[in-house]
Amino acid sequence: MARTKNKVATLPPPPPNRLASVSDDPPRKNVLLLTCMDQRLLDETVRFMNDLNLHNRYDQVALAGGAMGVHRLPQAPPDPSCTWWELFTAHLSTAIDKLHRPINDVFLLDHLDCGAYKELHPVKKIREEYPKASLQRMYELHAEELVALACRVHEYCEAQHCSTKDEAWEHIRVSCFVVDLRGRVTQLDT
């Protein structure tokens, strides 16, 4: 739950698949990492992944707006017939089905002060609010997008497992993180 000064903002529940933080229950296989394309936090992202002993054990998809981009943006450049969601799930499916990566975890990592929220968010009110928002409010906006996308990714993985009966799609955990501009990462789903 995200907290504001005097009230509590209720988020949708995260997928029911992680019982402990990634520090207490680190991934044992490969990870698919979704991040924003912002260059400012590349070193911090690599450090975060390496601290979880994931050095050279993750595939990274970097799209403008991270979770918001995949969850909400309709057209994926350069192919306007493809949605950002389809682009993301194509990467995940390719990693698992074609490249046979042992992916047991999907990490969704957003960052505060995101330019895509200011320029690309499809909700005009959020585009206008975001540049003036407090860090806490930015965190809440990212948390909403992250949890919504996490639920969607979880459902997608379950559907892939049900339709293919492929064990590679079984028990994929989806975790949500927000990184501030100092590189501090907060996990949302524990």
C-alpha atoms as a PDB file:
ATOM      1  CA  MET A   1       0.000   0.000   0.000  1.00  0.00           C
ATOM      2  CA  ALA A   2       1.306   3.416  -0.858  1.00  0.00           C
ATOM      3  CA  ARG A   3       1.009   6.023   1.876  1.00  0.00           C
ATOM      4  CA  THR A   4       0.439   9.709   1.516  1.00  0.00           C
ATOM      5  CA  LYS A   5       0.740  12.221   4.338  1.00  0.00           C
ATOM      6  CA  ASN A   6      -2.748  11.788   5.805  1.00  0.00           C
ATOM      7  CA  LYS A   7      -4.358   9.047   3.782  1.00  0.00           C
ATOM      8  CA  VAL A   8      -3.642   5.618   2.381  1.00  0.00           C
ATOM      9  CA  ALA A   9      -3.893   5.034  -1.363  1.00  0.00           C
ATOM     10  CA  THR A  10      -5.123   1.529  -2.141  1.00  0.00           C
ATOM     11  CA  LEU A  11      -3.351  -0.350  -4.918  1.00  0.00           C
ATOM     12  CA  PRO A  12      -4.637  -3.470  -6.617  1.00  0.00           C
ATOM     13  CA  PRO A  13      -3.115  -6.556  -5.035  1.00  0.00           C
ATOM     14  CA  PRO A  14       0.087  -7.795  -6.676  1.00  0.00           C
ATOM     15  CA  PRO A  15       0.178 -11.280  -8.183  1.00  0.00           C
ATOM     16  CA  PRO A  16       0.061 -13.944  -5.468  1.00  0.00           C
ATOM     17  CA  ASN A  17       3.435 -15.391  -6.299  1.00  0.00           C
ATOM     18  CA  ARG A  18       6.132 -13.874  -4.122  1.00  0.00           C
ATOM     19  CA  LEU A  19       6.164 -14.411  -0.387  1.00  0.00           C
ATOM     20  CA  ALA A  20       9.452 -12.701   0.458  1.00  0.00           C
ATOM     21  CA  SER A  21      11.576  -9.852  -0.848  1.00  0.00           C
ATOM     22  CA  VAL A  22      14.072 -10.617  -3.596  1.00  0.00           C
ATOM     23  CA  SER A  23      16.853 -10.055  -1.051  1.00  0.00           C
ATOM     24  CA  ASP A  24      15.436 -12.847   1.119  1.00  0.00           C
ATOM     25  CA  ASP A  25      14.374 -15.067  -1.790  1.00  0.00           C
ATOM     26  CA  PRO A  26      16.623 -14.209  -4.759  1.00  0.00           C
ATOM     27  CA  PRO A  27      15.968 -15.596  -8.232  1.00  0.00           C
ATOM     28  CA  ARG A  28      17.629 -18.939  -8.810  1.00  0.00           C
ATOM     29  CA  LYS A  29      17.553 -18.854 -12.595  1.00  0.00           C
ATOM     30  CA  ASN A  30      17.412 -16.118 -15.233  1.00  0.00           C
ATOM     31  CA  VAL A  31      15.303 -12.969 -15.025  1.00  0.00           C
ATOM     32  CA  LEU A  32      13.581 -10.895 -17.667  1.00  0.00           C
ATOM     33  CA  LEU A  33      13.977  -7.266 -16.605  1.00  0.00           C
ATOM     34  CA  LEU A  34      11.735  -4.489 -17.924  1.00  0.00           C
ATOM     35  CA  THR A  35      13.088  -0.976 -17.418  1.00  0.00           C
ATOM     36  CA  CYS A  36      12.590   2.462 -18.843  1.00  0.00           C
ATOM     37  CA  MET A  37      15.016   3.541 -21.541  1.00  0.00           C
ATOM     38  CA  ASP A  38      16.232   6.464 -19.381  1.00  0.00           C
ATOM     39  CA  GLN A  39      20.050   6.554 -19.313  1.00  0.00           C
ATOM     40  CA  ARG A  40      20.426   8.177 -15.891  1.00  0.00           C
ATOM     41  CA  LEU A  41      20.054   4.984 -13.865  1.00  0.00           C
ATOM     42  CA  LEU A  42      21.871   2.393 -15.965  1.00  0.00           C
ATOM     43  CA  ASP A  43      24.712   1.904 -13.473  1.00  0.00           C
ATOM     44  CA  GLU A  44      22.281   1.666 -10.553  1.00  0.00           C
ATOM     45  CA  THR A  45      20.193  -0.912 -12.414  1.00  0.00           C
ATOM     46  CA  VAL A  46      23.232  -3.072 -13.153  1.00  0.00           C
ATOM     47  CA  ARG A  47      24.386  -2.742  -9.532  1.00  0.00           C
ATOM     48  CA  PHE A  48      20.918  -3.768  -8.278  1.00  0.00           C
ATOM     49  CA  MET A  49      20.905  -6.852 -10.494  1.00  0.00           C
ATOM     50  CA  ASN A  50      24.499  -7.766  -9.618  1.00  0.00           C
ATOM     51  CA  ASP A  51      23.737  -7.408  -5.890  1.00  0.00           C
ATOM     52  CA  LEU A  52      21.115 -10.136  -6.395  1.00  0.00           C
ATOM     53  CA  ASN A  53      23.786 -12.378  -7.962  1.00  0.00           C
ATOM     54  CA  LEU A  54      22.222 -11.922 -11.401  1.00  0.00           C
ATOM     55  CA  HIS A  55      25.405 -10.839 -13.202  1.00  0.00           C
ATOM     56  CA  ASN A  56      24.996 -12.065 -16.803  1.00  0.00           C
ATOM     57  CA  ARG A  57      21.768 -13.879 -15.857  1.00  0.00           C
ATOM     58  CA  TYR A  58      19.109 -11.468 -17.068  1.00  0.00           C
ATOM     59  CA  ASP A  59      17.610 -10.293 -20.318  1.00  0.00           C
ATOM     60  CA  GLN A  60      16.675  -6.622 -20.344  1.00  0.00           C
ATOM     61  CA  VAL A  61      13.878  -4.952 -22.265  1.00  0.00           C
ATOM     62  CA  ALA A  62      14.136  -1.157 -22.111  1.00  0.00           C
ATOM     63  CA  LEU A  63      11.096   0.799 -23.295  1.00  0.00           C
ATOM     64  CA  ALA A  64      10.067   4.397 -22.707  1.00  0.00           C
ATOM     65  CA  GLY A  65       8.042   4.557 -19.513  1.00  0.00           C
ATOM     66  CA  GLY A  66       8.802   0.983 -18.482  1.00  0.00           C
ATOM     67  CA  ALA A  67       5.639  -0.531 -16.989  1.00  0.00           C
ATOM     68  CA  MET A  68       3.434   2.371 -18.071  1.00  0.00           C
ATOM     69  CA  GLY A  69       4.664   2.071 -21.649  1.00  0.00           C
ATOM     70  CA  VAL A  70       3.969  -1.660 -21.843  1.00  0.00           C
ATOM     71  CA  HIS A  71       0.665  -1.416 -19.990  1.00  0.00           C
ATOM     72  CA  ARG A  72      -0.819   1.655 -21.663  1.00  0.00           C
ATOM     73  CA  LEU A  73       0.865   2.784 -24.864  1.00  0.00           C
ATOM     74  CA  PRO A  74      -0.930   1.550 -27.959  1.00  0.00           C
ATOM     75  CA  GLN A  75       1.637   1.657 -30.727  1.00  0.00           C
ATOM     76  CA  ALA A  76       5.202   0.401 -30.575  1.00  0.00           C
ATOM     77  CA  PRO A  77       7.582   2.218 -32.888  1.00  0.00           C
ATOM     78  CA  PRO A  78       8.715   1.475 -35.529  1.00  0.00           C
ATOM     79  CA  ASP A  79       5.733  -0.858 -36.208  1.00  0.00           C
ATOM     80  CA  PRO A  80       2.472   0.986 -35.453  1.00  0.00           C
ATOM     81  CA  SER A  81       0.511  -2.249 -35.937  1.00  0.00           C
ATOM     82  CA  CYS A  82       2.202  -3.707 -32.847  1.00  0.00           C
ATOM     83  CA  THR A  83       1.345  -2.630 -29.292  1.00  0.00           C
ATOM     84  CA  TRP A  84       3.990  -2.147 -26.617  1.00  0.00           C
ATOM     85  CA  TRP A  85       2.386  -5.072 -24.736  1.00  0.00           C
ATOM     86  CA  GLU A  86       2.815  -7.306 -27.803  1.00  0.00           C
ATOM     87  CA  LEU A  87       6.431  -6.200 -28.128  1.00  0.00           C
ATOM     88  CA  PHE A  88       7.118  -7.038 -24.470  1.00  0.00           C
ATOM     89  CA  THR A  89       5.367 -10.426 -24.554  1.00  0.00           C
ATOM     90  CA  ALA A  90       7.186 -11.264 -27.799  1.00  0.00           C
ATOM     91  CA  HIS A  91      10.489 -10.711 -25.968  1.00  0.00           C
ATOM     92  CA  LEU A  92       9.350 -12.861 -23.039  1.00  0.00           C
ATOM     93  CA  SER A  93       8.057 -15.634 -25.309  1.00  0.00           C
ATOM     94  CA  THR A  94      11.204 -15.561 -27.421  1.00  0.00           C
ATOM     95  CA  ALA A  95      13.417 -15.822 -24.344  1.00  0.00           C
ATOM     96  CA  ILE A  96      11.483 -18.813 -23.015  1.00  0.00           C
ATOM     97  CA  ASP A  97      10.254 -20.659 -26.113  1.00  0.00           C
ATOM     98  CA  LYS A  98      12.941 -19.976 -28.706  1.00  0.00           C
ATOM     99  CA  LEU A  99      16.098 -19.248 -26.705  1.00  0.00           C
ATOM    100  CA  HIS A 100      15.185 -21.681 -23.894  1.00  0.00           C
ATOM    101  CA  ARG A 101      16.167 -19.281 -21.139  1.00  0.00           C
ATOM    102  CA  PRO A 102      15.285 -20.633 -17.694  1.00  0.00           C
ATOM    103  CA  ILE A 103      13.299 -17.534 -16.713  1.00  0.00           C
ATOM    104  CA  ASN A 104      11.564 -17.951 -13.373  1.00  0.00           C
ATOM    105  CA  ASP A 105      11.227 -14.252 -12.560  1.00  0.00           C
ATOM    106  CA  VAL A 106      10.091 -11.118 -14.356  1.00  0.00           C
ATOM    107  CA  PHE A 107      11.244  -7.854 -12.771  1.00  0.00           C
ATOM    108  CA  LEU A 108       9.385  -4.635 -13.559  1.00  0.00           C
ATOM    109  CA  LEU A 109      11.635  -1.714 -12.574  1.00  0.00           C
ATOM    110  CA  ASP A 110      10.382   1.869 -12.915  1.00  0.00           C
ATOM    111  CA  HIS A 111      12.164   5.057 -11.900  1.00  0.00           C
ATOM    112  CA  LEU A 112      10.940   8.349 -10.480  1.00  0.00           C
ATOM    113  CA  ASP A 113      11.037  11.561 -12.537  1.00  0.00           C
ATOM    114  CA  CYS A 114      10.245   9.682 -15.744  1.00  0.00           C
ATOM    115  CA  GLY A 115      10.048  11.749 -18.920  1.00  0.00           C
ATOM    116  CA  ALA A 116       7.618   9.295 -20.512  1.00  0.00           C
ATOM    117  CA  TYR A 117       5.076  10.029 -17.782  1.00  0.00           C
ATOM    118  CA  LYS A 118       5.427  13.738 -18.578  1.00  0.00           C
ATOM    119  CA  GLU A 119       5.179  13.378 -22.352  1.00  0.00           C
ATOM    120  CA  LEU A 120       3.605  10.017 -23.276  1.00  0.00           C
ATOM    121  CA  HIS A 121       1.186   8.998 -20.528  1.00  0.00           C
ATOM    122  CA  PRO A 122      -2.191   8.571 -22.247  1.00  0.00           C
ATOM    123  CA  VAL A 123      -4.077  10.181 -19.339  1.00  0.00           C
ATOM    124  CA  LYS A 124      -3.818  13.948 -19.765  1.00  0.00           C
ATOM    125  CA  LYS A 125      -4.434  14.607 -16.052  1.00  0.00           C
ATOM    126  CA  ILE A 126      -1.414  12.453 -15.110  1.00  0.00           C
ATOM    127  CA  ARG A 127       0.781  14.063 -17.800  1.00  0.00           C
ATOM    128  CA  GLU A 128      -0.053  17.457 -16.304  1.00  0.00           C
ATOM    129  CA  GLU A 129       0.240  16.362 -12.659  1.00  0.00           C
ATOM    130  CA  TYR A 130       3.459  14.356 -12.906  1.00  0.00           C
ATOM    131  CA  PRO A 131       5.990  17.189 -13.515  1.00  0.00           C
ATOM    132  CA  LYS A 132       4.711  19.033 -10.412  1.00  0.00           C
ATOM    133  CA  ALA A 133       4.136  15.944  -8.259  1.00  0.00           C
ATOM    134  CA  SER A 134       5.966  15.232  -5.020  1.00  0.00           C
ATOM    135  CA  LEU A 135       8.283  12.212  -4.983  1.00  0.00           C
ATOM    136  CA  GLN A 136       5.670  10.377  -2.910  1.00  0.00           C
ATOM    137  CA  ARG A 137       2.971  11.057  -5.515  1.00  0.00           C
ATOM    138  CA  MET A 138       5.312   9.965  -8.328  1.00  0.00           C
ATOM    139  CA  TYR A 139       5.945   6.776  -6.377  1.00  0.00           C
ATOM    140  CA  GLU A 140       2.183   6.189  -6.082  1.00  0.00           C
ATOM    141  CA  LEU A 141       1.633   6.743  -9.816  1.00  0.00           C
ATOM    142  CA  HIS A 142       4.407   4.295 -10.666  1.00  0.00           C
ATOM    143  CA  ALA A 143       3.108   1.773  -8.127  1.00  0.00           C
ATOM    144  CA  GLU A 144      -0.315   1.818  -9.780  1.00  0.00           C
ATOM    145  CA  GLU A 145       1.154   1.117 -13.205  1.00  0.00           C
ATOM    146  CA  LEU A 146       3.603  -1.504 -11.928  1.00  0.00           C
ATOM    147  CA  VAL A 147       1.043  -3.530 -10.001  1.00  0.00           C
ATOM    148  CA  ALA A 148      -1.468  -3.402 -12.853  1.00  0.00           C
ATOM    149  CA  LEU A 149       1.165  -4.603 -15.321  1.00  0.00           C
ATOM    150  CA  ALA A 150       2.440  -7.255 -12.890  1.00  0.00           C
ATOM    151  CA  CYS A 151      -1.052  -8.745 -12.684  1.00  0.00           C
ATOM    152  CA  ARG A 152      -1.329  -8.721 -16.469  1.00  0.00           C
ATOM    153  CA  VAL A 153       2.085 -10.405 -16.914  1.00  0.00           C
ATOM    154  CA  HIS A 154       1.199 -13.005 -14.283  1.00  0.00           C
ATOM    155  CA  GLU A 155      -2.062 -13.809 -16.113  1.00  0.00           C
ATOM    156  CA  TYR A 156      -0.193 -14.003 -19.427  1.00  0.00           C
ATOM    157  CA  CYS A 157       2.331 -16.500 -18.022  1.00  0.00           C
ATOM    158  CA  GLU A 158      -0.456 -18.625 -16.532  1.00  0.00           C
ATOM    159  CA  ALA A 159      -2.301 -18.594 -19.867  1.00  0.00           C
ATOM    160  CA  GLN A 160       0.885 -19.628 -21.710  1.00  0.00           C
ATOM    161  CA  HIS A 161       1.351 -22.512 -19.285  1.00  0.00           C
ATOM    162  CA  CYS A 162      -2.278 -23.621 -19.626  1.00  0.00           C
ATOM    163  CA  SER A 163      -2.245 -23.482 -23.426  1.00  0.00           C
ATOM    164  CA  THR A 164       1.177 -25.066 -23.991  1.00  0.00           C
ATOM    165  CA  LYS A 165       1.531 -27.265 -20.887  1.00  0.00           C
ATOM    166  CA  ASP A 166       5.192 -26.209 -21.047  1.00  0.00           C
ATOM    167  CA  GLU A 167       6.736 -26.304 -17.568  1.00  0.00           C
ATOM    168  CA  ALA A 168       8.962 -23.356 -18.534  1.00  0.00           C
ATOM    169  CA  TRP A 169       5.896 -21.093 -18.098  1.00  0.00           C
ATOM    170  CA  GLU A 170       4.893 -22.551 -14.744  1.00  0.00           C
ATOM    171  CA  HIS A 171       5.507 -20.585 -11.548  1.00  0.00           C
ATOM    172  CA  ILE A 172       7.031 -17.465 -13.120  1.00  0.00           C
ATOM    173  CA  ARG A 173       7.127 -14.815 -10.410  1.00  0.00           C
ATOM    174  CA  VAL A 174       6.555 -11.159 -11.237  1.00  0.00           C
ATOM    175  CA  SER A 175       8.098  -8.516  -8.968  1.00  0.00           C
ATOM    176  CA  CYS A 176       7.721  -4.722  -8.997  1.00  0.00           C
ATOM    177  CA  PHE A 177      10.368  -2.152  -8.086  1.00  0.00           C
ATOM    178  CA  VAL A 178      10.744   1.623  -8.064  1.00  0.00           C
ATOM    179  CA  VAL A 179      14.162   3.263  -8.109  1.00  0.00           C
ATOM    180  CA  ASP A 180      14.659   6.855  -6.997  1.00  0.00           C
ATOM    181  CA  LEU A 181      17.186   9.174  -8.609  1.00  0.00           C
ATOM    182  CA  ARG A 182      19.802   8.264  -6.011  1.00  0.00           C
ATOM    183  CA  GLY A 183      19.620   4.646  -7.075  1.00  0.00           C
ATOM    184  CA  ARG A 184      17.680   3.341  -4.062  1.00  0.00           C
ATOM    185  CA  VAL A 185      15.370   0.510  -5.065  1.00  0.00           C
ATOM    186  CA  THR A 186      12.105  -0.271  -3.282  1.00  0.00           C
ATOM    187  CA  GLN A 187      10.263  -3.521  -3.901  1.00  0.00           C
ATOM    188  CA  LEU A 188       6.467  -3.121  -3.992  1.00  0.00           C
ATOM    189  CA  ASP A 189       5.164  -6.661  -3.935  1.00  0.00           C
ATOM    190  CA  THR A 190       6.245  -8.013  -0.557  1.00  0.00           C
END
